[in-house]
Protein backbone atom coordinates (compact mmCIF):
# COMPACT_ATOMS: atom_id res chain seq x y z
CA UNK A 1 132.97 105.87 74.26
CA UNK A 2 132.12 102.75 72.46
CA UNK A 3 135.48 103.14 70.34
CA UNK A 4 137.30 103.36 73.71
CA UNK A 5 135.42 100.44 75.07
CA UNK A 6 136.69 98.25 72.22
CA UNK A 7 140.35 98.81 73.37
CA UNK A 8 139.81 97.83 77.19
CA UNK A 9 139.47 94.63 78.81
CA UNK A 10 136.10 93.01 78.77
CA UNK A 11 135.55 93.55 82.50
CA UNK A 12 136.30 97.41 82.23
CA UNK A 13 134.31 97.56 79.19
CA UNK A 14 131.28 96.07 80.92
CA UNK A 15 131.45 98.67 83.62
CA UNK A 16 131.76 101.63 81.11
CA UNK A 17 128.81 100.38 79.19
CA UNK A 18 126.71 99.87 82.26
CA UNK A 19 127.16 103.53 83.11
CA UNK A 20 126.05 104.64 79.64
CA UNK A 21 122.70 103.15 79.97
CA UNK A 22 121.23 106.12 81.92
CA UNK A 23 120.74 108.14 78.82
CA UNK A 24 123.67 110.82 79.78
CA UNK A 25 121.96 111.86 83.10
CA UNK A 26 124.86 110.74 85.22
CA UNK A 27 122.59 108.44 87.20
CA UNK A 28 124.28 105.09 88.43
CA UNK A 29 121.29 103.40 89.87
CA UNK A 30 121.07 100.09 91.62
CA UNK A 31 118.09 97.54 91.99
CA UNK A 32 115.49 98.22 94.59
CA UNK A 33 115.37 95.38 97.24
CA UNK A 34 113.28 92.47 96.87
CA UNK A 35 111.42 92.84 100.21
CA UNK A 36 111.40 95.23 102.99
CA UNK A 37 112.84 92.73 105.65
CA UNK A 38 109.57 92.68 107.51
CA UNK A 39 110.55 90.66 110.68
CA UNK A 40 107.75 88.14 110.03
CA UNK A 41 107.05 88.20 106.23
CA UNK A 42 110.45 88.91 105.07
CA UNK A 43 109.36 88.43 101.19
CA UNK A 44 106.60 90.92 101.15
CA UNK A 45 106.96 94.48 99.81
CA UNK A 46 109.92 95.99 97.79
CA UNK A 47 112.54 98.62 98.33
CA UNK A 48 113.54 101.72 96.26
CA UNK A 49 110.22 103.38 95.73
CA UNK A 50 107.10 104.54 97.35
CA UNK A 51 103.70 104.00 95.57
CA UNK A 52 101.46 107.03 95.35
CA UNK A 53 98.46 105.65 93.36
CA UNK A 54 97.23 102.44 91.78
CA UNK A 55 94.83 102.62 88.87
CA UNK A 56 93.45 99.05 88.31
CA UNK A 57 91.48 98.17 85.13
CA UNK A 58 90.05 94.65 85.51
CA UNK A 59 87.79 92.38 83.51
CA UNK A 60 86.63 89.13 85.00
CA UNK A 61 84.50 86.23 83.70
CA UNK A 62 83.30 83.85 86.56
CA UNK A 63 82.26 81.32 84.08
CA UNK A 64 86.02 80.82 83.04
CA UNK A 65 87.81 82.29 86.04
CA UNK A 66 89.64 84.48 83.84
CA UNK A 67 90.96 87.64 84.83
CA UNK A 68 92.52 90.49 82.48
CA UNK A 69 94.03 93.34 84.22
CA UNK A 70 96.03 96.65 83.68
CA UNK A 71 97.86 98.06 86.61
CA UNK A 72 99.01 101.76 86.28
CA UNK A 73 101.33 102.48 89.23
CA UNK A 74 102.40 105.91 90.10
CA UNK A 75 105.39 105.84 92.43
CA UNK A 76 108.29 108.12 93.73
CA UNK A 77 111.79 106.57 93.80
CA UNK A 78 113.50 106.65 97.08
CA UNK A 79 116.84 105.87 95.59
CA UNK A 80 118.56 105.93 92.15
CA UNK A 81 116.85 102.79 90.51
CA UNK A 82 118.15 100.65 87.81
CA UNK A 83 115.35 98.12 88.38
CA UNK A 84 112.61 97.48 90.85
CA UNK A 85 110.36 94.69 92.07
CA UNK A 86 106.48 94.35 92.36
CA UNK A 87 104.89 91.40 94.14
CA UNK A 88 102.74 89.32 91.95
CA UNK A 89 101.34 85.72 92.59
CA UNK A 90 100.64 83.50 89.48
CA UNK A 91 99.01 85.45 86.54
CA UNK A 92 100.81 86.09 83.28
CA UNK A 93 102.59 89.19 82.44
CA UNK A 94 101.97 90.32 78.87
CA UNK A 95 103.77 93.67 78.83
CA UNK A 96 105.35 96.34 81.17
CA UNK A 97 106.37 99.91 80.63
CA UNK A 98 107.95 102.41 82.67
CA UNK A 99 107.12 106.16 81.61
CA UNK A 100 105.81 104.84 78.33
CA UNK A 101 108.90 103.07 77.44
CA UNK A 102 109.09 99.22 77.35
CA UNK A 103 110.73 97.72 80.33
CA UNK A 104 112.20 94.17 80.66
CA UNK A 105 110.21 92.05 82.91
CA UNK A 106 111.49 88.84 84.74
CA UNK A 107 109.56 86.48 87.11
CA UNK A 108 111.11 84.60 90.06
CA UNK A 109 108.28 83.10 92.10
CA UNK A 110 106.08 85.96 93.46
CA UNK A 111 108.66 88.65 92.40
CA UNK A 112 108.15 90.52 89.16
CA UNK A 113 111.42 92.43 88.36
CA UNK A 114 111.14 95.52 85.89
CA UNK A 115 114.24 97.04 84.42
CA UNK A 116 113.33 100.45 82.93
CA UNK A 117 114.91 101.64 79.71
CA UNK A 118 116.98 104.20 81.62
CA UNK A 119 117.65 104.59 85.44
CA UNK A 120 115.20 106.61 87.64
CA UNK A 121 116.64 109.43 89.60
CA UNK A 122 116.00 109.37 93.21
CA UNK A 123 112.95 111.64 94.16
CA UNK A 124 111.58 111.23 90.57
CA UNK A 125 107.84 110.18 90.20
CA UNK A 126 107.48 107.64 87.49
CA UNK A 127 104.68 105.76 86.01
CA UNK A 128 104.61 101.94 85.49
CA UNK A 129 101.97 100.07 83.41
CA UNK A 130 101.62 96.22 83.73
CA UNK A 131 99.32 94.30 81.64
CA UNK A 132 98.51 90.78 82.95
CA UNK A 133 95.87 87.92 82.67
CA UNK A 134 95.16 84.48 83.82
CA UNK A 135 93.30 82.76 86.43
CA UNK A 136 93.79 84.30 89.71
CA UNK A 137 94.82 81.92 92.51
CA UNK A 138 93.82 81.49 96.10
CA UNK A 139 96.92 81.96 98.55
CA UNK A 140 97.20 79.49 101.37
CA UNK A 141 98.64 81.13 104.21
CA UNK A 142 101.14 79.42 106.88
CA UNK A 143 98.32 78.93 109.19
CA UNK A 144 96.42 77.19 106.54
CA UNK A 145 93.80 80.01 106.19
CA UNK A 146 92.93 81.20 102.54
CA UNK A 147 93.21 84.58 101.06
CA UNK A 148 93.78 86.22 97.62
CA UNK A 149 91.21 85.29 95.14
CA UNK A 150 88.43 83.16 96.46
CA UNK A 151 85.79 81.43 94.10
CA UNK A 152 82.27 82.02 95.60
CA UNK A 153 78.74 80.78 94.77
CA UNK A 154 77.98 83.93 92.63
CA UNK A 155 81.49 85.23 91.52
CA UNK A 156 84.67 85.80 93.41
CA UNK A 157 85.98 87.50 96.51
CA UNK A 158 89.41 89.29 96.82
CA UNK A 159 90.98 89.52 100.39
CA UNK A 160 94.39 90.15 101.20
CA UNK A 161 95.76 89.98 104.87
CA UNK A 162 98.60 89.50 104.99
CA UNK A 163 99.73 88.88 101.33
CA UNK A 164 96.75 88.06 99.05
CA UNK A 165 96.28 91.23 97.24
CA UNK A 166 99.20 90.12 94.78
CA UNK A 167 96.83 87.42 93.51
CA UNK A 168 94.83 90.03 91.53
CA UNK A 169 97.23 92.99 91.11
CA UNK A 170 100.97 93.61 90.99
CA UNK A 171 102.13 96.11 93.78
CA UNK A 172 104.26 96.87 96.70
CA UNK A 173 102.52 94.57 98.98
CA UNK A 174 103.49 95.81 102.48
CA UNK A 175 101.48 97.77 104.88
CA UNK A 176 104.40 100.40 105.21
CA UNK A 177 103.41 101.67 101.46
CA UNK A 178 99.96 102.92 101.46
CA UNK A 179 98.48 104.63 98.33
CA UNK A 180 95.22 105.89 96.84
CA UNK A 181 93.32 103.58 94.50
CA UNK A 182 90.89 103.66 91.33
CA UNK A 183 89.38 100.23 90.69
CA UNK A 184 87.60 99.74 87.39
CA UNK A 185 86.05 96.38 87.10
CA UNK A 186 84.01 95.00 84.10
CA UNK A 187 81.80 91.94 84.89
CA UNK A 188 79.02 89.95 82.93
CA UNK A 189 75.70 91.78 82.91
CA UNK A 190 73.58 90.95 85.96
CA UNK A 191 76.40 90.85 88.39
CA UNK A 192 77.91 93.72 90.64
CA UNK A 193 81.55 94.32 91.35
CA UNK A 194 81.94 95.94 94.96
CA UNK A 195 85.10 97.56 96.10
CA UNK A 196 86.65 100.17 98.43
CA UNK A 197 85.76 103.77 98.52
CA UNK A 198 82.91 105.46 96.65
CA UNK A 199 81.26 104.10 93.40
CA UNK A 200 81.84 106.84 90.91
CA UNK A 201 79.99 105.35 87.95
CA UNK A 202 78.10 102.33 86.65
CA UNK A 203 77.58 101.67 82.90
CA UNK A 204 77.32 99.23 79.99
CA UNK A 205 80.64 97.95 78.45
CA UNK A 206 80.14 95.64 75.30
CA UNK A 207 77.09 93.62 76.80
CA UNK A 208 78.71 93.56 80.17
CA UNK A 209 78.77 96.21 83.11
CA UNK A 210 81.45 98.40 84.21
CA UNK A 211 81.95 99.56 87.77
CA UNK A 212 84.26 102.44 88.75
CA UNK A 213 85.39 102.72 92.33
CA UNK A 214 87.62 105.50 93.93
CA UNK A 215 89.46 105.48 97.29
CA UNK A 216 90.62 108.94 97.92
CA UNK A 217 92.40 108.29 101.19
CA UNK A 218 95.54 106.19 101.49
CA UNK A 219 95.02 102.39 101.73
CA UNK A 220 97.45 99.36 102.46
CA UNK A 221 97.33 96.84 99.85
CA UNK A 222 96.05 94.18 102.24
CA UNK A 223 92.82 95.96 102.91
CA UNK A 224 92.08 96.24 99.20
CA UNK A 225 89.15 94.20 98.30
CA UNK A 226 86.82 93.26 95.39
CA UNK A 227 83.53 91.32 95.62
CA UNK A 228 82.02 90.18 92.30
CA UNK A 229 78.54 88.44 92.28
CA UNK A 230 74.94 88.82 92.94
CA UNK A 231 74.81 91.51 95.57
CA UNK A 232 71.84 93.60 96.88
CA UNK A 233 73.24 97.22 97.75
CA UNK A 234 71.60 99.55 100.08
CA UNK A 235 72.69 103.18 100.51
CA UNK A 236 72.14 105.26 103.63
CA UNK A 237 73.92 107.90 105.66
CA UNK A 238 74.99 108.73 109.02
CA UNK A 239 73.40 111.81 110.95
CA UNK A 240 76.40 113.80 109.87
CA UNK A 241 75.86 112.84 106.23
CA UNK A 242 78.66 110.39 105.71
CA UNK A 243 77.76 107.93 102.91
CA UNK A 244 77.17 104.31 103.86
CA UNK A 245 76.75 101.47 101.54
CA UNK A 246 75.83 97.86 102.41
CA UNK A 247 76.32 95.07 99.89
CA UNK A 248 74.79 91.75 100.81
CA UNK A 249 75.05 88.53 98.73
CA UNK A 250 71.64 87.33 97.52
CA UNK A 251 72.14 84.04 99.14
CA UNK A 252 72.30 85.63 102.53
CA UNK A 253 68.73 86.98 102.19
CA UNK A 254 67.52 88.92 104.93
CA UNK A 255 69.78 87.44 107.57
CA UNK A 256 71.43 90.08 109.89
CA UNK A 257 69.33 92.87 108.28
CA UNK A 258 68.46 94.56 111.44
CA UNK A 259 72.12 94.37 112.58
CA UNK A 260 73.35 95.85 109.20
CA UNK A 261 71.06 98.63 109.40
CA UNK A 262 72.74 99.70 112.53
CA UNK A 263 76.03 100.57 110.73
CA UNK A 264 75.51 104.19 110.75
CA UNK A 265 74.84 104.34 114.52
CA UNK A 266 78.06 102.11 115.11
CA UNK A 267 80.12 104.57 112.90
CA UNK A 268 78.81 107.56 114.97
CA UNK A 269 79.59 105.71 118.37
CA UNK A 270 83.11 105.14 116.94
CA UNK A 271 83.39 108.75 116.44
CA UNK A 272 82.27 109.43 119.82
CA UNK A 273 85.12 107.26 121.29
CA UNK A 274 87.81 107.43 118.75
CA UNK A 275 87.31 110.84 116.82
CA UNK A 276 86.32 111.67 113.38
CA UNK A 277 85.76 108.76 110.91
CA UNK A 278 88.92 108.64 108.90
CA UNK A 279 87.25 107.96 105.41
CA UNK A 280 84.93 109.42 103.00
CA UNK A 281 82.55 106.56 103.29
CA UNK A 282 81.51 103.38 105.30
CA UNK A 283 79.71 100.19 104.78
CA UNK A 284 80.16 96.39 104.78
CA UNK A 285 80.19 93.49 102.39
CA UNK A 286 78.12 90.44 103.79
CA UNK A 287 78.73 87.01 102.25
CA UNK A 288 77.63 83.41 102.87
CA UNK A 289 79.51 81.67 105.58
CA UNK A 290 80.94 79.10 103.09
CA UNK A 291 82.59 81.95 101.00
CA UNK A 292 85.29 82.83 103.58
CA UNK A 293 86.06 81.60 107.14
CA UNK A 294 86.80 84.96 108.74
CA UNK A 295 85.87 88.61 108.71
CA UNK A 296 88.36 91.08 107.45
CA UNK A 297 88.78 94.82 108.07
CA UNK A 298 88.81 95.70 104.36
CA UNK A 299 88.94 99.57 103.97
CA UNK A 300 85.45 101.27 104.31
CA UNK A 301 83.60 98.01 103.49
CA UNK A 302 84.57 95.12 105.97
CA UNK A 303 83.99 91.67 104.56
CA UNK A 304 82.02 89.63 107.05
CA UNK A 305 80.44 86.18 106.71
CA UNK A 306 76.83 86.42 107.72
CA UNK A 307 77.30 83.83 110.67
CA UNK A 308 79.91 86.14 112.17
CA UNK A 309 77.81 89.36 112.20
CA UNK A 310 76.95 90.00 115.73
CA UNK A 311 80.49 89.29 116.86
CA UNK A 312 82.61 91.14 114.38
CA UNK A 313 80.76 94.07 113.20
CA UNK A 314 82.02 96.53 115.82
CA UNK A 315 85.33 95.11 115.72
CA UNK A 316 85.76 95.61 111.99
CA UNK A 317 84.17 99.10 112.02
CA UNK A 318 86.79 99.89 114.81
CA UNK A 319 89.68 98.71 112.56
CA UNK A 320 88.84 101.63 110.15
CA UNK A 321 90.42 103.91 112.77
CA UNK A 322 93.00 101.39 114.04
CA UNK A 323 94.55 99.35 111.35
CA UNK A 324 93.31 100.99 108.18
CA UNK A 325 93.91 104.64 109.03
CA UNK A 326 96.48 104.01 111.66
CA UNK A 327 98.43 101.29 109.83
CA UNK A 328 101.27 99.10 111.35
CA UNK A 329 104.92 99.74 109.97
CA UNK A 330 105.50 96.07 110.19
CA UNK A 331 103.43 92.90 110.70
CA UNK A 332 104.94 92.56 114.07
CA UNK A 333 102.93 95.63 115.23
CA UNK A 334 99.59 94.07 114.17
CA UNK A 335 98.58 94.06 117.79
CA UNK A 336 98.00 97.87 117.56
CA UNK A 337 95.22 97.00 115.13
CA UNK A 338 93.69 93.90 117.01
CA UNK A 339 94.07 95.24 120.50
CA UNK A 340 92.05 98.52 119.73
CA UNK A 341 89.50 96.63 117.77
CA UNK A 342 89.10 94.07 120.52
CA UNK A 343 89.03 96.65 123.09
CA UNK A 344 86.30 98.52 121.04
CA UNK A 345 84.18 95.56 121.60
CA UNK A 346 84.63 95.63 125.35
CA UNK A 347 83.72 99.31 125.40
CA UNK A 348 80.60 98.59 123.22
CA UNK A 349 79.48 95.93 125.72
CA UNK A 350 80.25 98.23 128.54
CA UNK A 351 77.86 101.10 126.95
CA UNK A 352 75.05 98.81 125.55
CA UNK A 353 75.25 95.23 127.22
CA UNK A 354 75.77 96.09 130.84
CA UNK A 355 79.18 94.30 130.93
CA UNK A 356 82.09 96.35 132.49
CA UNK A 357 85.35 96.40 130.57
CA UNK A 358 86.88 95.00 133.57
CA UNK A 359 84.68 91.83 133.29
CA UNK A 360 86.04 91.36 129.52
CA UNK A 361 89.40 91.89 131.05
CA UNK A 362 88.98 89.29 133.60
CA UNK A 363 87.77 86.77 130.96
CA UNK A 364 90.63 87.27 128.81
CA UNK A 365 93.15 87.07 131.72
CA UNK A 366 91.70 83.87 132.57
CA UNK A 367 91.98 82.50 129.02
CA UNK A 368 95.31 80.59 128.82
CA UNK A 369 95.49 80.98 125.15
CA UNK A 370 96.18 84.92 125.73
CA UNK A 371 99.49 83.92 127.36
CA UNK A 372 101.02 82.04 124.58
CA UNK A 373 103.47 84.96 123.76
CA UNK A 374 103.84 88.59 124.29
CA UNK A 375 101.32 90.61 121.88
CA UNK A 376 104.02 92.87 120.83
CA UNK A 377 106.29 89.79 119.65
CA UNK A 378 104.63 87.13 117.92
CA UNK A 379 107.18 84.34 117.32
CA UNK A 380 106.39 83.62 113.63
CA UNK A 381 104.20 84.30 110.73
CA UNK A 382 101.84 81.43 111.65
CA UNK A 383 101.17 83.19 114.88
CA UNK A 384 100.49 86.81 113.77
CA UNK A 385 96.64 86.22 114.30
CA UNK A 386 96.72 84.26 117.34
CA UNK A 387 94.96 84.98 120.67
CA UNK A 388 97.54 87.14 122.27
CA UNK A 389 97.49 89.84 119.64
CA UNK A 390 93.79 90.28 120.22
CA UNK A 391 92.97 89.44 123.86
CA UNK A 392 96.26 90.18 125.67
CA UNK A 393 96.72 93.33 123.54
CA UNK A 394 93.30 94.60 124.65
CA UNK A 395 94.46 93.80 128.20
CA UNK A 396 97.29 96.14 127.67
CA UNK A 397 95.02 99.05 126.66
CA UNK A 398 92.84 98.28 129.70
CA UNK A 399 95.78 98.60 131.98
CA UNK A 400 96.77 101.91 130.35
CA UNK A 401 93.09 102.96 131.14
CA UNK A 402 93.53 102.10 134.67
CA UNK A 403 96.98 103.79 134.90
CA UNK A 404 95.96 107.11 133.54
CA UNK A 405 92.23 107.33 134.33
CA UNK A 406 89.23 107.31 131.82
CA UNK A 407 89.53 111.16 130.66
CA UNK A 408 93.26 110.75 129.94
CA UNK A 409 92.69 107.37 128.27
CA UNK A 410 90.16 108.37 125.86
CA UNK A 411 92.10 111.55 125.17
CA UNK A 412 94.96 109.35 124.29
CA UNK A 413 92.97 107.02 122.00
CA UNK A 414 91.48 109.84 120.10
CA UNK A 415 94.74 111.84 119.87
CA UNK A 416 96.45 108.64 118.56
CA UNK A 417 93.99 108.23 115.76
CA UNK A 418 94.35 111.85 114.87
CA UNK A 419 97.98 112.19 115.08
CA UNK A 420 98.70 109.07 112.97
CA UNK A 421 95.82 109.32 110.59
CA UNK A 422 96.38 107.75 107.13
CA UNK A 423 100.01 107.02 108.17
CA UNK A 424 101.91 104.12 109.76
CA UNK A 425 103.07 103.37 113.42
CA UNK A 426 105.27 101.03 115.36
CA UNK A 427 104.73 99.73 118.87
CA UNK A 428 107.53 102.07 119.99
CA UNK A 429 105.59 105.02 118.53
CA UNK A 430 102.57 104.09 120.55
CA UNK A 431 104.33 103.49 123.95
CA UNK A 432 106.22 106.70 123.60
CA UNK A 433 102.93 108.62 122.59
CA UNK A 434 101.27 107.23 125.68
CA UNK A 435 103.92 108.19 127.98
CA UNK A 436 104.19 111.68 126.58
CA UNK A 437 100.62 112.49 126.77
CA UNK A 438 99.91 110.87 130.13
CA UNK A 439 103.17 112.08 131.75
CA UNK A 440 103.67 108.88 133.29
CA UNK A 441 106.55 106.43 133.12
CA UNK A 442 104.86 103.15 132.13
CA UNK A 443 107.90 100.98 131.89
CA UNK A 444 106.63 98.35 134.34
CA UNK A 445 103.34 98.20 132.48
CA UNK A 446 104.82 97.70 129.17
CA UNK A 447 107.38 95.19 130.48
CA UNK A 448 104.78 92.98 132.20
CA UNK A 449 101.67 93.16 129.84
CA UNK A 450 103.17 93.99 126.45
CA UNK A 451 106.42 92.32 126.36
CA UNK A 452 106.46 89.97 129.33
CA UNK A 453 106.66 86.26 128.60
CA UNK A 454 104.88 85.05 131.97
CA UNK A 455 101.37 85.62 133.14
CA UNK A 456 101.31 87.90 136.14
CA UNK A 457 100.36 86.49 139.50
CA UNK A 458 97.57 89.02 139.90
CA UNK A 459 95.39 91.02 137.24
């Protein structure tokens, strides 16, 4: 072949040589897309592969803010691949391999492009190892909120909605690609490292302490978390035996202790209304109010500032069913997360605080902020967490409840959580499911409450 190439024109020769780089397998791959064309966050995620598992090995020193990491990513090619991208913000890539062979690595902003030694066949499972280091950065969102890697009084806190996980590990950073996780973290002696899932082991590591966490059920990258610092951990269980772990920053002290102790009861209440809890453990990470300005439904252990505990604990635990287990296909479907979590608050108030859900609906209906745009159609990335996604989204569910009746409504809620368990869903998936299970044509309801731009004259 190479003798033949020397006799051809340069253009034809390059084409022939490109076809010979697959090691003789006959594969003619092409690069995976840099982004999944999310309607709101077009740069997030990547095409050409589906991640099955992340094994992250991290070493962090709060005194120097230095992170050293190894990400072992097991993925399946969804096309013939000559190259593929990972999302990574900042941090220095030291080396990369694909199936044990060195891969060329190039950076362009938050895109890390890896070109393996040979093309990867469609359908093949492959293993990528990226070694990296540096000072992880805080990501400033378009609405000026902070995510990614946050410095705290006792260490650091990693949160990732919608894009911050790429500040501490490379990955396919979009909710449509969920995977299981093993997260091993080494920190200075005396500190703890809290993450998703279950703690498998803790032990000394060269004068430091190593924590090994496992998430057995699939997880979207935006709900992965890591909290490093001075935490007091308390294990407990629900009446059905589900492990519960609360981790409270020492600076918080005993604030909210009585409420935190109710987590097993809240989980059991959720099972009554939404069906079986979808994960193998539950819990919470409670931090000082100055560490982060919002609560987040990080999988199995929501991160909640202590000053937001009364308002958000039920909301974030409800997200374990809606958002974490049933995850949106795109960020435009985020109302599916927030409407259910907000409506869970309304149901909780109905059950325990003598406030019927209709009163909560009336309050939301009267709030002009809920009518800025339709909940299923946020106009931009800056608006994806605005009031209509929450309050008006919950109004949509209340109107469904009124349309089909309580018995059918709660059957739909539980069935939706079961049918889409550990998967992804779109708005169209949900509306179709509701109509199928209720046997009703709800076109007018969707047009008015879910997609309508104008506030109805009457609730």
